[in-house]
């Protein structure tokens, strides 16, 4: 399974759960997470999608640490099961 398959599944599942799922790009900075999820109730989650077993690059991991240090939630997901688990948590 490819990273794009995980990301497409995330988009589909988020829509099914009524969670807004936007592509995140930043012209001034590389390595930003792939998606921003905006869940009912005001929760915001940055999501980095990876192919199964793959890890974020050091640049991505560094940016994830920065976001987390500011109190933001960042999730790295490398499977459909990971997407499903996140959807369940966000829909509670």
N, C-alpha and C. Protein backbone atom coordinates (compact mmCIF):
# COMPACT_ATOMS: atom_id res chain seq x y z
N UNK A 1 0.84 -1.18 0.00
CA UNK A 1 0.00 0.00 0.00
C UNK A 1 0.89 1.24 0.00
N UNK A 2 0.50 2.24 -0.74
CA UNK A 2 1.26 3.47 -0.87
C UNK A 2 0.74 4.55 0.07
N UNK A 3 1.59 5.54 0.31
CA UNK A 3 1.18 6.68 1.15
C UNK A 3 -0.08 7.34 0.60
N UNK A 4 -0.15 7.47 -0.72
CA UNK A 4 -1.33 8.14 -1.31
C UNK A 4 -2.61 7.35 -1.03
N UNK A 5 -2.50 6.02 -0.89
CA UNK A 5 -3.67 5.19 -0.57
C UNK A 5 -4.15 5.46 0.86
N UNK A 6 -3.21 5.59 1.78
CA UNK A 6 -3.54 5.90 3.17
C UNK A 6 -4.19 7.28 3.24
N UNK A 7 -3.62 8.24 2.52
CA UNK A 7 -4.16 9.60 2.53
C UNK A 7 -5.56 9.64 1.92
N UNK A 8 -5.78 8.95 0.83
CA UNK A 8 -7.11 8.91 0.20
C UNK A 8 -8.12 8.28 1.14
N UNK A 9 -7.71 7.24 1.85
CA UNK A 9 -8.60 6.58 2.81
C UNK A 9 -8.92 7.54 3.96
N UNK A 10 -7.94 8.29 4.41
CA UNK A 10 -8.17 9.28 5.47
C UNK A 10 -9.22 10.30 5.04
N UNK A 11 -9.08 10.81 3.83
CA UNK A 11 -10.02 11.81 3.31
C UNK A 11 -11.44 11.23 3.26
N UNK A 12 -11.55 10.01 2.76
CA UNK A 12 -12.87 9.36 2.65
C UNK A 12 -13.49 9.13 4.02
N UNK A 13 -12.71 8.58 4.94
CA UNK A 13 -13.24 8.28 6.28
C UNK A 13 -13.59 9.56 7.04
N UNK A 14 -12.77 10.59 6.90
CA UNK A 14 -13.06 11.86 7.59
C UNK A 14 -14.41 12.41 7.11
N UNK A 15 -14.63 12.36 5.81
CA UNK A 15 -15.90 12.84 5.27
C UNK A 15 -17.07 12.04 5.85
N UNK A 16 -16.90 10.72 5.95
CA UNK A 16 -17.95 9.87 6.50
C UNK A 16 -18.28 10.22 7.95
N UNK A 17 -17.29 10.71 8.68
CA UNK A 17 -17.47 11.06 10.09
C UNK A 17 -17.82 12.54 10.29
N UNK A 18 -17.97 13.28 9.20
CA UNK A 18 -18.29 14.70 9.31
C UNK A 18 -17.12 15.54 9.79
N UNK A 19 -15.91 15.06 9.53
CA UNK A 19 -14.69 15.77 9.92
C UNK A 19 -14.12 16.44 8.67
N UNK A 20 -13.83 17.72 8.77
CA UNK A 20 -13.24 18.43 7.64
C UNK A 20 -11.79 18.01 7.51
N UNK A 21 -11.35 17.78 6.29
CA UNK A 21 -10.00 17.26 6.04
C UNK A 21 -9.39 18.05 4.89
N UNK A 22 -8.45 18.92 5.22
CA UNK A 22 -7.85 19.79 4.21
C UNK A 22 -6.40 19.41 3.94
N UNK A 23 -6.00 19.51 2.70
CA UNK A 23 -4.61 19.33 2.31
C UNK A 23 -3.83 20.52 2.87
N UNK A 24 -2.69 20.24 3.47
CA UNK A 24 -1.88 21.29 4.07
C UNK A 24 -0.61 21.46 3.25
N UNK A 25 -0.43 22.63 2.70
CA UNK A 25 0.81 22.96 1.99
C UNK A 25 1.28 24.32 2.49
N UNK A 26 2.56 24.52 2.47
CA UNK A 26 3.12 25.80 2.89
C UNK A 26 4.25 26.16 1.92
N UNK A 27 4.03 27.17 1.10
CA UNK A 27 5.05 27.54 0.13
C UNK A 27 6.40 27.91 0.77
N UNK A 28 6.36 28.42 1.98
CA UNK A 28 7.58 28.89 2.63
C UNK A 28 8.27 27.80 3.45
N UNK A 29 7.63 26.65 3.64
CA UNK A 29 8.21 25.62 4.49
C UNK A 29 7.87 24.24 3.97
N UNK A 30 8.91 23.45 3.78
CA UNK A 30 8.71 22.05 3.39
C UNK A 30 8.48 21.23 4.65
N UNK A 31 8.04 20.02 4.49
CA UNK A 31 7.91 19.04 5.57
C UNK A 31 6.70 19.24 6.47
N UNK A 32 5.74 20.09 6.05
CA UNK A 32 4.54 20.23 6.87
C UNK A 32 3.71 18.94 6.76
N UNK A 33 2.89 18.64 7.78
CA UNK A 33 2.04 17.45 7.70
C UNK A 33 1.14 17.50 6.46
N UNK A 34 0.69 16.31 6.03
CA UNK A 34 -0.11 16.21 4.80
C UNK A 34 -1.49 16.82 4.91
N UNK A 35 -2.14 16.64 6.07
CA UNK A 35 -3.54 17.02 6.22
C UNK A 35 -3.79 17.72 7.55
N UNK A 36 -4.82 18.57 7.56
CA UNK A 36 -5.34 19.17 8.78
C UNK A 36 -6.77 18.68 8.92
N UNK A 37 -7.08 18.08 10.07
CA UNK A 37 -8.43 17.63 10.36
C UNK A 37 -9.08 18.60 11.33
N UNK A 38 -10.30 19.00 11.03
CA UNK A 38 -11.08 19.88 11.89
C UNK A 38 -12.33 19.11 12.30
N UNK A 39 -12.32 18.63 13.53
CA UNK A 39 -13.40 17.77 14.00
C UNK A 39 -14.49 18.58 14.69
N UNK A 40 -15.73 18.07 14.65
CA UNK A 40 -16.80 18.70 15.43
C UNK A 40 -16.36 18.81 16.89
N UNK A 41 -16.71 19.91 17.51
CA UNK A 41 -16.30 20.12 18.89
C UNK A 41 -15.02 20.93 19.00
N UNK A 42 -14.41 21.27 17.85
CA UNK A 42 -13.28 22.18 17.87
C UNK A 42 -11.91 21.55 17.91
N UNK A 43 -11.79 20.24 17.82
CA UNK A 43 -10.47 19.62 17.85
C UNK A 43 -9.81 19.71 16.48
N UNK A 44 -8.54 20.10 16.48
CA UNK A 44 -7.74 20.19 15.27
C UNK A 44 -6.58 19.22 15.37
N UNK A 45 -6.35 18.45 14.31
CA UNK A 45 -5.27 17.47 14.29
C UNK A 45 -4.51 17.59 12.98
N UNK A 46 -3.20 17.68 13.07
CA UNK A 46 -2.34 17.61 11.90
C UNK A 46 -2.00 16.15 11.67
N UNK A 47 -2.11 15.68 10.43
CA UNK A 47 -1.86 14.27 10.13
C UNK A 47 -0.78 14.14 9.07
N UNK A 48 0.22 13.34 9.39
CA UNK A 48 1.27 12.95 8.44
C UNK A 48 0.97 11.53 8.00
N UNK A 49 0.73 11.32 6.73
CA UNK A 49 0.47 9.98 6.19
C UNK A 49 1.78 9.38 5.69
N UNK A 50 1.96 8.10 5.97
CA UNK A 50 3.14 7.37 5.53
C UNK A 50 2.72 6.01 5.00
N UNK A 51 3.54 5.46 4.12
CA UNK A 51 3.35 4.08 3.68
C UNK A 51 3.60 3.18 4.89
N UNK A 52 2.99 2.00 4.92
CA UNK A 52 3.17 1.11 6.07
C UNK A 52 4.64 0.90 6.42
N UNK A 53 4.95 1.11 7.70
CA UNK A 53 6.30 0.91 8.20
C UNK A 53 7.26 2.05 7.97
N UNK A 54 6.86 3.05 7.21
CA UNK A 54 7.74 4.20 6.94
C UNK A 54 7.63 5.21 8.08
N UNK A 55 8.70 5.94 8.31
CA UNK A 55 8.76 6.94 9.37
C UNK A 55 8.93 8.33 8.75
N UNK A 56 8.55 9.38 9.51
CA UNK A 56 8.76 10.74 9.00
C UNK A 56 10.25 11.02 8.80
N UNK A 57 10.54 11.90 7.85
CA UNK A 57 11.91 12.36 7.67
C UNK A 57 12.31 13.17 8.89
N UNK A 58 13.59 13.44 9.05
CA UNK A 58 14.04 14.25 10.19
C UNK A 58 13.42 15.64 10.14
N UNK A 59 13.31 16.22 8.95
CA UNK A 59 12.68 17.54 8.81
C UNK A 59 11.22 17.49 9.26
N UNK A 60 10.51 16.44 8.87
CA UNK A 60 9.11 16.29 9.29
C UNK A 60 9.02 16.10 10.80
N UNK A 61 9.86 15.21 11.35
CA UNK A 61 9.83 14.94 12.79
C UNK A 61 10.15 16.21 13.59
N UNK A 62 11.08 17.00 13.09
CA UNK A 62 11.43 18.25 13.75
C UNK A 62 10.24 19.21 13.79
N UNK A 63 9.54 19.30 12.67
CA UNK A 63 8.37 20.18 12.61
C UNK A 63 7.24 19.63 13.50
N UNK A 64 7.08 18.31 13.54
CA UNK A 64 6.08 17.71 14.44
C UNK A 64 6.38 18.07 15.89
N UNK A 65 7.66 18.00 16.27
CA UNK A 65 8.05 18.36 17.65
C UNK A 65 7.72 19.82 17.93
N UNK A 66 7.99 20.69 16.95
CA UNK A 66 7.69 22.11 17.12
C UNK A 66 6.19 22.32 17.32
N UNK A 67 5.38 21.71 16.47
CA UNK A 67 3.92 21.85 16.60
C UNK A 67 3.46 21.35 17.96
N UNK A 68 3.95 20.19 18.36
CA UNK A 68 3.55 19.62 19.66
C UNK A 68 3.99 20.52 20.82
N UNK A 69 5.16 21.13 20.69
CA UNK A 69 5.64 22.01 21.77
C UNK A 69 4.74 23.23 21.92
N UNK A 70 3.99 23.56 20.88
CA UNK A 70 3.04 24.67 20.92
C UNK A 70 1.64 24.21 21.32
N UNK A 71 1.51 22.92 21.67
CA UNK A 71 0.23 22.39 22.13
C UNK A 71 -0.66 21.82 21.05
N UNK A 72 -0.14 21.62 19.85
CA UNK A 72 -0.95 21.08 18.76
C UNK A 72 -0.78 19.57 18.66
N UNK A 73 -1.82 18.92 18.23
CA UNK A 73 -1.80 17.47 18.07
C UNK A 73 -1.32 17.11 16.67
N UNK A 74 -0.35 16.21 16.60
CA UNK A 74 0.18 15.71 15.33
C UNK A 74 0.15 14.19 15.39
N UNK A 75 -0.45 13.56 14.39
CA UNK A 75 -0.51 12.11 14.31
C UNK A 75 0.18 11.64 13.03
N UNK A 76 0.97 10.59 13.15
CA UNK A 76 1.59 9.95 11.99
C UNK A 76 0.85 8.63 11.78
N UNK A 77 0.27 8.45 10.61
CA UNK A 77 -0.56 7.28 10.34
C UNK A 77 -0.01 6.54 9.13
N UNK A 78 0.18 5.22 9.30
CA UNK A 78 0.74 4.41 8.21
C UNK A 78 -0.12 3.20 7.86
N UNK A 79 -1.41 3.24 8.26
CA UNK A 79 -2.29 2.11 7.94
C UNK A 79 -3.75 2.57 7.95
N UNK A 80 -4.58 1.78 7.29
CA UNK A 80 -6.02 2.06 7.32
C UNK A 80 -6.55 1.88 8.73
N UNK A 81 -5.99 0.94 9.47
CA UNK A 81 -6.41 0.72 10.86
C UNK A 81 -6.10 1.96 11.71
N UNK A 82 -4.97 2.59 11.43
CA UNK A 82 -4.62 3.82 12.13
C UNK A 82 -5.60 4.94 11.83
N UNK A 83 -6.03 5.02 10.58
CA UNK A 83 -7.04 6.01 10.19
C UNK A 83 -8.34 5.72 10.94
N UNK A 84 -8.77 4.47 10.93
CA UNK A 84 -10.02 4.10 11.61
C UNK A 84 -9.96 4.43 13.10
N UNK A 85 -8.83 4.14 13.74
CA UNK A 85 -8.67 4.43 15.16
C UNK A 85 -8.78 5.93 15.42
N UNK A 86 -8.13 6.74 14.60
CA UNK A 86 -8.20 8.18 14.78
C UNK A 86 -9.63 8.69 14.58
N UNK A 87 -10.34 8.15 13.60
CA UNK A 87 -11.71 8.58 13.36
C UNK A 87 -12.59 8.26 14.58
N UNK A 88 -12.40 7.09 15.15
CA UNK A 88 -13.18 6.70 16.34
C UNK A 88 -12.92 7.67 17.49
N UNK A 89 -11.65 8.00 17.72
CA UNK A 89 -11.31 8.93 18.80
C UNK A 89 -11.92 10.30 18.57
N UNK A 90 -11.83 10.80 17.35
CA UNK A 90 -12.32 12.14 17.05
C UNK A 90 -13.84 12.21 17.02
N UNK A 91 -14.50 11.09 16.85
CA UNK A 91 -15.97 11.12 16.78
C UNK A 91 -16.63 10.91 18.14
N UNK A 92 -15.84 10.69 19.16
CA UNK A 92 -16.42 10.47 20.52
C UNK A 92 -16.96 11.75 21.09
